Amino acid sequence: MFSKIFESKEIKELRSRLESTPNDPAAHFYLGAAYEKYGRYKDAIREFEETLKSNSKSAEAHYNLALLHEKMLNGEKAILHIINAGNLFGNKNDQVNKTEARRLLRMYYRKFNVKPKDSVEPDKEIQTEKT
């Protein structure tokens, strides 16, 4: 309850924007980024997932979800999203971000003690937590 009272101007403006256009993937993306900036990781995850509902090919949303799930120690979801991000960056010929996604993937495999053959398949539907 208190979090809504003390929300930043940026978050209030984005929430207001979503009231008038609830299916705007860009607004969900920017709200997710704002929540992440303020350490509200579960809210950020929810907004990036909303982004993917309207724009499933958003490499950036998958990338941010990977980073958030890694912070929350959810290895399977972090790996799934970073694989998808890397593939989507590759489809856009964005070699810089594709290379970074692959670097993070190797790091996640080590951090979460997962072998590549044991990891989830790209584009696999994953269960999301109810927040």
C-alpha atoms as a PDB file:
ATOM      1  CA  MET A   1       0.000   0.000   0.000  1.00  0.00           C
ATOM      2  CA  PHE A   2       2.761   2.457   0.950  1.00  0.00           C
ATOM      3  CA  SER A   3       4.628   1.741  -2.285  1.00  0.00           C
ATOM      4  CA  LYS A   4       1.845   3.396  -4.297  1.00  0.00           C
ATOM      5  CA  ILE A   5       1.934   6.502  -2.102  1.00  0.00           C
ATOM      6  CA  PHE A   6       5.680   6.935  -2.560  1.00  0.00           C
ATOM      7  CA  GLU A   7       5.947   6.032  -6.235  1.00  0.00           C
ATOM      8  CA  SER A   8       8.205   8.103  -8.426  1.00  0.00           C
ATOM      9  CA  LYS A   9       6.756  10.571 -10.894  1.00  0.00           C
ATOM     10  CA  GLU A  10       7.997   8.340 -13.715  1.00  0.00           C
ATOM     11  CA  ILE A  11       6.115   5.300 -12.404  1.00  0.00           C
ATOM     12  CA  LYS A  12       2.938   7.313 -11.798  1.00  0.00           C
ATOM     13  CA  GLU A  13       3.032   8.684 -15.352  1.00  0.00           C
ATOM     14  CA  LEU A  14       3.568   5.240 -16.870  1.00  0.00           C
ATOM     15  CA  ARG A  15       0.796   3.691 -14.776  1.00  0.00           C
ATOM     16  CA  SER A  16      -1.504   6.492 -15.899  1.00  0.00           C
ATOM     17  CA  ARG A  17      -0.532   5.854 -19.530  1.00  0.00           C
ATOM     18  CA  LEU A  18      -1.407   2.183 -19.107  1.00  0.00           C
ATOM     19  CA  GLU A  19      -4.837   3.052 -17.734  1.00  0.00           C
ATOM     20  CA  SER A  20      -5.719   4.620 -21.081  1.00  0.00           C
ATOM     21  CA  THR A  21      -3.794   2.125 -23.264  1.00  0.00           C
ATOM     22  CA  PRO A  22      -3.470  -1.121 -21.270  1.00  0.00           C
ATOM     23  CA  ASN A  23      -2.030  -3.142 -24.164  1.00  0.00           C
ATOM     24  CA  ASP A  24       0.813  -0.747 -24.973  1.00  0.00           C
ATOM     25  CA  PRO A  25       3.963  -2.933 -24.931  1.00  0.00           C
ATOM     26  CA  ALA A  26       6.277   0.095 -24.809  1.00  0.00           C
ATOM     27  CA  ALA A  27       4.544   1.455 -21.705  1.00  0.00           C
ATOM     28  CA  HIS A  28       4.811  -1.944 -20.007  1.00  0.00           C
ATOM     29  CA  PHE A  29       8.481  -2.140 -20.986  1.00  0.00           C
ATOM     30  CA  TYR A  30       9.314   1.324 -19.620  1.00  0.00           C
ATOM     31  CA  LEU A  31       7.315   0.666 -16.452  1.00  0.00           C
ATOM     32  CA  GLY A  32       9.256  -2.572 -16.000  1.00  0.00           C
ATOM     33  CA  ALA A  33      12.517  -0.664 -16.389  1.00  0.00           C
ATOM     34  CA  ALA A  34      11.360   1.932 -13.850  1.00  0.00           C
ATOM     35  CA  TYR A  35      10.372  -0.746 -11.342  1.00  0.00           C
ATOM     36  CA  GLU A  36      13.736  -2.438 -11.842  1.00  0.00           C
ATOM     37  CA  LYS A  37      15.532   0.858 -11.212  1.00  0.00           C
ATOM     38  CA  TYR A  38      13.757   1.150  -7.852  1.00  0.00           C
ATOM     39  CA  GLY A  39      14.441  -2.457  -6.866  1.00  0.00           C
ATOM     40  CA  ARG A  40      10.847  -3.613  -7.337  1.00  0.00           C
ATOM     41  CA  TYR A  41      11.867  -6.765  -9.145  1.00  0.00           C
ATOM     42  CA  LYS A  42       8.577  -8.691  -8.969  1.00  0.00           C
ATOM     43  CA  ASP A  43       6.713  -5.697 -10.383  1.00  0.00           C
ATOM     44  CA  ALA A  44       9.377  -5.333 -13.078  1.00  0.00           C
ATOM     45  CA  ILE A  45       9.041  -9.002 -14.034  1.00  0.00           C
ATOM     46  CA  ARG A  46       5.273  -8.633 -14.301  1.00  0.00           C
ATOM     47  CA  GLU A  47       5.618  -5.641 -16.643  1.00  0.00           C
ATOM     48  CA  PHE A  48       8.244  -7.253 -18.873  1.00  0.00           C
ATOM     49  CA  GLU A  49       6.009 -10.342 -19.113  1.00  0.00           C
ATOM     50  CA  GLU A  50       3.153  -8.042 -20.145  1.00  0.00           C
ATOM     51  CA  THR A  51       5.444  -6.618 -22.827  1.00  0.00           C
ATOM     52  CA  LEU A  52       5.968 -10.123 -24.202  1.00  0.00           C
ATOM     53  CA  LYS A  53       2.221 -10.773 -24.372  1.00  0.00           C
ATOM     54  CA  SER A  54       1.935  -8.043 -27.014  1.00  0.00           C
ATOM     55  CA  ASN A  55       5.442  -8.300 -28.464  1.00  0.00           C
ATOM     56  CA  SER A  56       6.788 -11.825 -28.029  1.00  0.00           C
ATOM     57  CA  LYS A  57       9.824 -11.002 -30.189  1.00  0.00           C
ATOM     58  CA  SER A  58      11.153  -8.303 -27.835  1.00  0.00           C
ATOM     59  CA  ALA A  59      14.767  -9.326 -27.335  1.00  0.00           C
ATOM     60  CA  GLU A  60      15.129  -6.493 -24.832  1.00  0.00           C
ATOM     61  CA  ALA A  61      12.235  -7.728 -22.659  1.00  0.00           C
ATOM     62  CA  HIS A  62      13.677 -11.261 -22.648  1.00  0.00           C
ATOM     63  CA  TYR A  63      17.100  -9.834 -21.784  1.00  0.00           C
ATOM     64  CA  ASN A  64      15.737  -7.808 -18.861  1.00  0.00           C
ATOM     65  CA  LEU A  65      13.720 -10.784 -17.619  1.00  0.00           C
ATOM     66  CA  ALA A  66      16.903 -12.873 -17.673  1.00  0.00           C
ATOM     67  CA  LEU A  67      18.731 -10.289 -15.564  1.00  0.00           C
ATOM     68  CA  LEU A  68      15.857 -10.053 -13.080  1.00  0.00           C
ATOM     69  CA  HIS A  69      15.447 -13.810 -12.726  1.00  0.00           C
ATOM     70  CA  GLU A  70      19.207 -14.128 -12.215  1.00  0.00           C
ATOM     71  CA  LYS A  71      19.006 -11.563  -9.389  1.00  0.00           C
ATOM     72  CA  MET A  72      16.148 -13.543  -7.845  1.00  0.00           C
ATOM     73  CA  LEU A  73      18.156 -16.782  -8.226  1.00  0.00           C
ATOM     74  CA  ASN A  74      15.657 -18.369 -10.593  1.00  0.00           C
ATOM     75  CA  GLY A  75      18.139 -20.089 -12.855  1.00  0.00           C
ATOM     76  CA  GLU A  76      15.781 -21.923 -15.202  1.00  0.00           C
ATOM     77  CA  LYS A  77      13.896 -18.764 -16.125  1.00  0.00           C
ATOM     78  CA  ALA A  78      17.091 -16.709 -16.370  1.00  0.00           C
ATOM     79  CA  ILE A  79      18.573 -19.251 -18.782  1.00  0.00           C
ATOM     80  CA  LEU A  80      15.384 -19.518 -20.838  1.00  0.00           C
ATOM     81  CA  HIS A  81      15.089 -15.758 -21.278  1.00  0.00           C
ATOM     82  CA  ILE A  82      18.768 -15.180 -22.059  1.00  0.00           C
ATOM     83  CA  ILE A  83      18.656 -17.921 -24.728  1.00  0.00           C
ATOM     84  CA  ASN A  84      15.588 -16.298 -26.273  1.00  0.00           C
ATOM     85  CA  ALA A  85      17.187 -12.847 -26.056  1.00  0.00           C
ATOM     86  CA  GLY A  86      20.357 -14.052 -27.775  1.00  0.00           C
ATOM     87  CA  ASN A  87      18.399 -15.724 -30.564  1.00  0.00           C
ATOM     88  CA  LEU A  88      16.222 -12.655 -31.107  1.00  0.00           C
ATOM     89  CA  PHE A  89      19.219 -10.313 -31.088  1.00  0.00           C
ATOM     90  CA  GLY A  90      20.784 -12.595 -33.695  1.00  0.00           C
ATOM     91  CA  ASN A  91      17.624 -12.416 -35.821  1.00  0.00           C
ATOM     92  CA  LYS A  92      17.973  -8.621 -35.755  1.00  0.00           C
ATOM     93  CA  ASN A  93      21.674  -8.835 -36.701  1.00  0.00           C
ATOM     94  CA  ASP A  94      22.556  -7.195 -33.373  1.00  0.00           C
ATOM     95  CA  GLN A  95      25.857  -8.980 -32.852  1.00  0.00           C
ATOM     96  CA  VAL A  96      26.917  -6.877 -29.857  1.00  0.00           C
ATOM     97  CA  ASN A  97      23.878  -7.803 -27.763  1.00  0.00           C
ATOM     98  CA  LYS A  98      23.861 -11.372 -29.084  1.00  0.00           C
ATOM     99  CA  THR A  99      27.463 -11.758 -27.904  1.00  0.00           C
ATOM    100  CA  GLU A 100      26.585 -10.278 -24.504  1.00  0.00           C
ATOM    101  CA  ALA A 101      23.615 -12.645 -24.176  1.00  0.00           C
ATOM    102  CA  ARG A 102      25.875 -15.611 -24.942  1.00  0.00           C
ATOM    103  CA  ARG A 103      28.393 -14.398 -22.343  1.00  0.00           C
ATOM    104  CA  LEU A 104      25.614 -14.174 -19.752  1.00  0.00           C
ATOM    105  CA  LEU A 105      24.326 -17.610 -20.753  1.00  0.00           C
ATOM    106  CA  ARG A 106      27.735 -19.144 -20.029  1.00  0.00           C
ATOM    107  CA  MET A 107      27.812 -17.293 -16.698  1.00  0.00           C
ATOM    108  CA  TYR A 108      24.297 -18.534 -15.793  1.00  0.00           C
ATOM    109  CA  TYR A 109      25.245 -22.117 -16.644  1.00  0.00           C
ATOM    110  CA  ARG A 110      28.135 -21.858 -14.166  1.00  0.00           C
ATOM    111  CA  LYS A 111      26.227 -19.916 -11.512  1.00  0.00           C
ATOM    112  CA  PHE A 112      23.233 -22.256 -11.487  1.00  0.00           C
ATOM    113  CA  ASN A 113      25.325 -25.410 -12.070  1.00  0.00           C
ATOM    114  CA  VAL A 114      23.464 -26.315 -15.249  1.00  0.00           C
ATOM    115  CA  LYS A 115      24.934 -28.108 -18.224  1.00  0.00           C
ATOM    116  CA  PRO A 116      23.763 -26.812 -21.608  1.00  0.00           C
ATOM    117  CA  LYS A 117      22.053 -30.121 -22.439  1.00  0.00           C
ATOM    118  CA  ASP A 118      20.094 -29.894 -19.152  1.00  0.00           C
ATOM    119  CA  SER A 119      18.779 -26.410 -19.826  1.00  0.00           C
ATOM    120  CA  VAL A 120      15.360 -25.450 -21.073  1.00  0.00           C
ATOM    121  CA  GLU A 121      14.511 -25.173 -24.744  1.00  0.00           C
ATOM    122  CA  PRO A 122      14.304 -21.694 -26.300  1.00  0.00           C
ATOM    123  CA  ASP A 123      10.782 -20.387 -26.844  1.00  0.00           C
ATOM    124  CA  LYS A 124       9.432 -22.903 -24.319  1.00  0.00           C
ATOM    125  CA  GLU A 125       6.393 -21.672 -22.418  1.00  0.00           C
ATOM    126  CA  ILE A 126       7.299 -21.174 -18.801  1.00  0.00           C
ATOM    127  CA  GLN A 127       5.083 -20.893 -15.799  1.00  0.00           C
ATOM    128  CA  THR A 128       5.082 -17.419 -14.333  1.00  0.00           C
ATOM    129  CA  GLU A 129       4.660 -16.713 -10.674  1.00  0.00           C
ATOM    130  CA  LYS A 130       1.481 -15.034  -9.548  1.00  0.00           C
ATOM    131  CA  THR A 131       2.414 -11.791  -7.814  1.00  0.00           C
END
